[in-house]
Protein backbone atom coordinates (compact mmCIF):
# COMPACT_ATOMS: atom_id res chain seq x y z
CA MET A 1 97.58 -243.49 42.02
CA GLY A 2 98.05 -243.64 38.22
CA MET A 3 97.56 -240.70 35.45
CA PRO A 4 94.73 -238.85 35.39
CA SER A 5 92.67 -240.07 33.09
CA GLN A 6 91.15 -239.06 30.05
CA HIS A 7 88.11 -237.91 31.44
CA SER A 8 89.38 -235.78 33.91
CA ARG A 9 91.23 -234.04 32.13
CA ARG A 10 88.72 -233.14 30.27
CA ILE A 11 87.24 -231.87 33.14
CA GLN A 12 90.16 -229.91 34.32
CA LEU A 13 90.42 -228.02 31.37
CA ALA A 14 86.81 -227.48 31.14
CA GLY A 15 87.55 -225.91 34.04
CA VAL A 16 91.33 -224.10 32.95
CA LEU A 17 88.89 -222.70 29.96
CA SER A 18 86.49 -221.57 32.05
CA ILE A 19 88.32 -219.59 33.79
CA LEU A 20 90.09 -218.11 31.36
CA LEU A 21 86.73 -216.70 29.48
CA ALA A 22 85.65 -215.64 33.00
CA THR A 23 89.23 -213.14 32.99
CA ILE A 24 88.75 -211.81 29.73
CA GLY A 25 85.31 -211.29 30.06
CA ALA A 26 85.98 -208.93 33.09
CA MET A 27 88.75 -207.25 31.47
CA LEU A 28 87.32 -206.85 28.06
CA SER A 29 84.61 -204.74 30.53
CA VAL A 30 86.40 -202.95 32.04
CA THR A 31 88.03 -201.68 28.50
CA THR A 32 85.16 -200.82 27.12
CA GLY A 33 83.91 -199.22 30.12
CA ASN A 34 87.32 -196.77 30.02
CA ALA A 35 87.31 -196.81 26.27
CA ALA A 36 83.79 -195.07 26.86
CA GLU A 37 85.02 -192.56 29.13
CA LEU A 38 87.18 -191.52 26.88
CA LYS A 39 85.12 -190.63 24.03
CA VAL A 40 86.17 -187.75 22.02
CA GLN A 41 82.51 -185.56 21.81
CA ARG A 42 82.42 -183.76 18.81
CA ILE A 43 80.93 -179.90 18.69
CA ARG A 44 77.97 -178.68 16.89
CA ILE A 45 78.98 -174.67 15.22
CA GLU A 46 76.76 -172.50 13.69
CA SER A 47 77.06 -169.46 12.73
CA THR A 48 74.44 -166.06 12.35
CA PRO A 49 74.22 -166.02 8.99
CA ALA A 50 75.60 -169.14 8.27
CA GLY A 51 78.95 -169.68 6.34
CA ALA A 52 81.17 -168.42 8.36
CA ALA A 53 85.20 -169.72 8.13
CA VAL A 54 85.78 -171.50 11.05
CA ASN A 55 88.80 -172.13 12.40
CA THR A 56 91.15 -173.59 15.26
CA ILE A 57 94.76 -174.62 16.90
CA VAL A 58 95.05 -177.30 14.47
CA GLY A 59 94.28 -175.01 11.75
CA GLU A 60 91.25 -174.43 8.38
CA GLN A 61 87.50 -176.47 10.41
CA GLY A 62 85.48 -175.20 7.34
CA VAL A 63 82.45 -173.30 7.21
CA THR A 64 79.69 -173.03 9.16
CA PRO A 65 77.24 -175.10 10.07
CA LEU A 66 79.89 -177.45 10.76
CA SER A 67 81.04 -180.59 13.98
CA ILE A 68 83.85 -180.93 14.81
CA THR A 69 85.93 -182.93 17.71
CA GLU A 70 87.06 -181.46 21.45
CA ARG A 71 90.84 -182.61 20.04
CA ASP A 72 90.29 -180.12 17.12
CA ILE A 73 89.51 -177.33 19.52
CA TYR A 74 92.31 -178.61 22.76
CA PRO A 75 94.84 -180.61 20.80
CA ASN A 76 96.88 -183.28 23.16
CA THR A 77 99.94 -181.71 21.34
CA TYR A 78 100.88 -177.94 19.35
CA PRO A 79 103.15 -175.98 18.51
CA ASP A 80 104.06 -173.04 20.85
CA ALA A 81 103.56 -170.15 18.40
CA LYS A 82 99.87 -171.41 18.57
CA VAL A 83 99.09 -171.50 22.35
CA ASP A 84 97.33 -168.03 22.27
CA LEU A 85 95.05 -170.64 19.47
CA TYR A 86 94.59 -172.74 22.57
CA GLY A 87 90.47 -173.92 23.58
CA LYS A 88 89.46 -171.12 20.72
CA VAL A 89 87.09 -171.16 17.44
CA VAL A 90 87.76 -168.30 15.15
CA ILE A 91 84.66 -168.18 13.68
CA SER A 92 84.88 -164.92 10.52
CA LYS A 93 82.60 -163.88 7.76
CA SER A 94 83.53 -161.62 4.56
CA GLY A 95 81.63 -158.28 5.32
CA CYS A 96 81.74 -159.47 9.35
CA LYS A 97 83.78 -158.88 12.94
CA THR A 98 86.02 -161.98 13.40
CA VAL A 99 84.99 -163.28 16.52
CA THR A 100 87.29 -165.14 18.45
CA ARG A 101 85.93 -167.49 21.69
CA ARG A 102 86.50 -170.00 23.82
CA VAL A 103 84.88 -172.89 24.26
CA THR A 104 84.24 -174.14 27.70
CA LEU A 105 82.89 -177.84 28.37
CA ASN A 106 79.34 -176.90 29.21
CA GLU A 107 79.15 -174.93 25.22
CA ILE A 108 81.04 -178.27 23.73
CA LYS A 109 78.19 -180.45 24.67
CA THR A 110 75.54 -178.21 23.48
CA GLY A 111 77.13 -177.11 20.70
CA LEU A 112 78.23 -173.17 19.62
CA ASP A 113 75.91 -170.60 18.33
CA ILE A 114 77.58 -167.32 17.19
CA ARG A 115 75.66 -164.51 15.76
CA LEU A 116 77.95 -162.05 13.04
CA ASP A 117 78.29 -158.49 13.11
CA CYS A 118 78.18 -157.66 9.83
CA THR A 119 77.59 -154.01 10.70
CA GLU A 120 81.10 -152.99 9.10
CA SER A 121 82.40 -154.61 6.27
CA THR A 122 85.61 -156.41 7.58
CA PRO A 123 87.57 -158.84 5.84
CA VAL A 124 87.52 -162.68 6.22
CA VAL A 125 91.06 -163.79 8.26
CA LYS A 126 93.24 -164.41 5.70
CA LEU A 127 94.82 -168.04 5.69
CA ASP A 128 98.14 -168.95 4.37
CA ALA A 129 98.76 -171.79 2.09
CA GLY A 130 98.67 -174.38 4.67
CA GLY A 131 95.05 -172.64 5.74
CA LYS A 132 96.41 -170.83 9.25
CA PRO A 133 95.67 -167.49 9.78
CA GLN A 134 98.71 -165.19 8.19
CA ALA A 135 100.05 -162.84 10.88
CA ILE A 136 99.30 -158.90 10.91
CA ARG A 137 102.74 -157.54 11.23
CA LYS A 138 102.31 -155.05 13.96
CA PRO A 139 104.57 -151.42 14.22
CA GLU A 140 107.97 -151.88 15.04
CA GLN A 141 108.49 -151.20 18.96
CA SER A 142 110.75 -150.34 21.44
CA ALA A 143 112.66 -152.55 23.42
CA THR A 144 110.44 -151.62 26.85
CA SER A 145 107.12 -152.02 25.06
CA ALA A 146 107.94 -155.63 23.48
CA THR A 147 108.93 -156.64 27.32
CA GLU A 148 105.87 -155.31 28.43
CA ALA A 149 104.26 -156.77 24.96
CA LEU A 150 106.10 -160.04 26.36
CA SER A 151 104.65 -160.58 29.99
CA GLU A 152 101.79 -158.94 29.68
CA ARG A 153 101.54 -162.66 26.92
CA ARG A 154 102.33 -165.01 29.72
CA LEU A 155 100.10 -163.13 31.78
CA ARG A 156 97.14 -163.80 29.22
CA GLN A 157 98.24 -167.57 28.58
CA LEU A 158 98.38 -167.83 33.11
CA LYS A 159 95.48 -166.66 32.89
CA VAL A 160 93.58 -169.45 29.72
CA LEU A 161 96.06 -171.73 31.71
CA ASN A 162 93.51 -171.33 35.16
CA GLU A 163 89.80 -171.49 33.36
CA LEU A 164 91.72 -174.48 32.10
CA LEU A 165 92.01 -175.77 35.58
CA ASP A 166 88.33 -174.42 36.42
CA ASP A 167 86.07 -176.24 33.67
CA LYS A 168 88.59 -179.47 34.24
CA LEU A 169 89.57 -179.30 31.03
CA ILE A 170 92.79 -180.13 31.70
CA SER A 171 94.42 -181.70 34.61
CA ALA A 172 96.81 -180.60 38.49
CA GLU A 173 99.47 -182.18 36.34
CA GLU A 174 98.89 -180.82 32.63
CA GLU A 175 98.76 -177.81 34.93
CA GLN A 176 101.85 -177.50 36.77
CA SER A 177 103.80 -178.69 33.27
CA ILE A 178 103.06 -176.61 30.77
CA ARG A 179 102.94 -173.17 33.49
CA LYS A 180 106.54 -174.42 34.16
CA ARG A 181 107.18 -174.40 30.36
CA ILE A 182 105.74 -170.42 30.33
CA PHE A 183 108.09 -169.78 33.50
CA GLU A 184 110.76 -171.08 31.43
CA ARG A 185 110.27 -169.61 27.76
CA LEU A 186 109.65 -166.35 30.78
CA ASN A 187 113.57 -166.89 31.57
CA GLN A 188 115.41 -166.83 28.16
């Protein structure tokens, strides 16, 4: 037997190409399917009255009505100092009480419609130059009350963590990792 003819090489090459194209097609369909599952959702936020400022853990988002992404509320990374805002939106308008609301998975799908209580004259949450809410100084606390406040904060963080796990907004592995960080800071 001699060398294969040019015709038989073309047939072999066509067979290899068809297998290669089928493999690439299968890979693309798997990749496309996963990408659809990982699509970041948008959430519509409205308020009555309209024109209320919306803030999240990542900063000022604008005024109602507006649409933001779930990553604006549940970012993958965020500073430890802002852990209390994780999963929440803060809605404020001059002359109305500020509303802080934990956003559930269902609300991400359906949107938020917040009715503000504008019966009292209350200031809008003031933002610093970076668009972040300014810290309000509290009166000095004794060492005992500061420790109690810290333990209450940790308890609140653990409750929020459980809510996120229950709502399937974080995985069990993420929950364990965050829980570990909370307890590490507690022991510092």
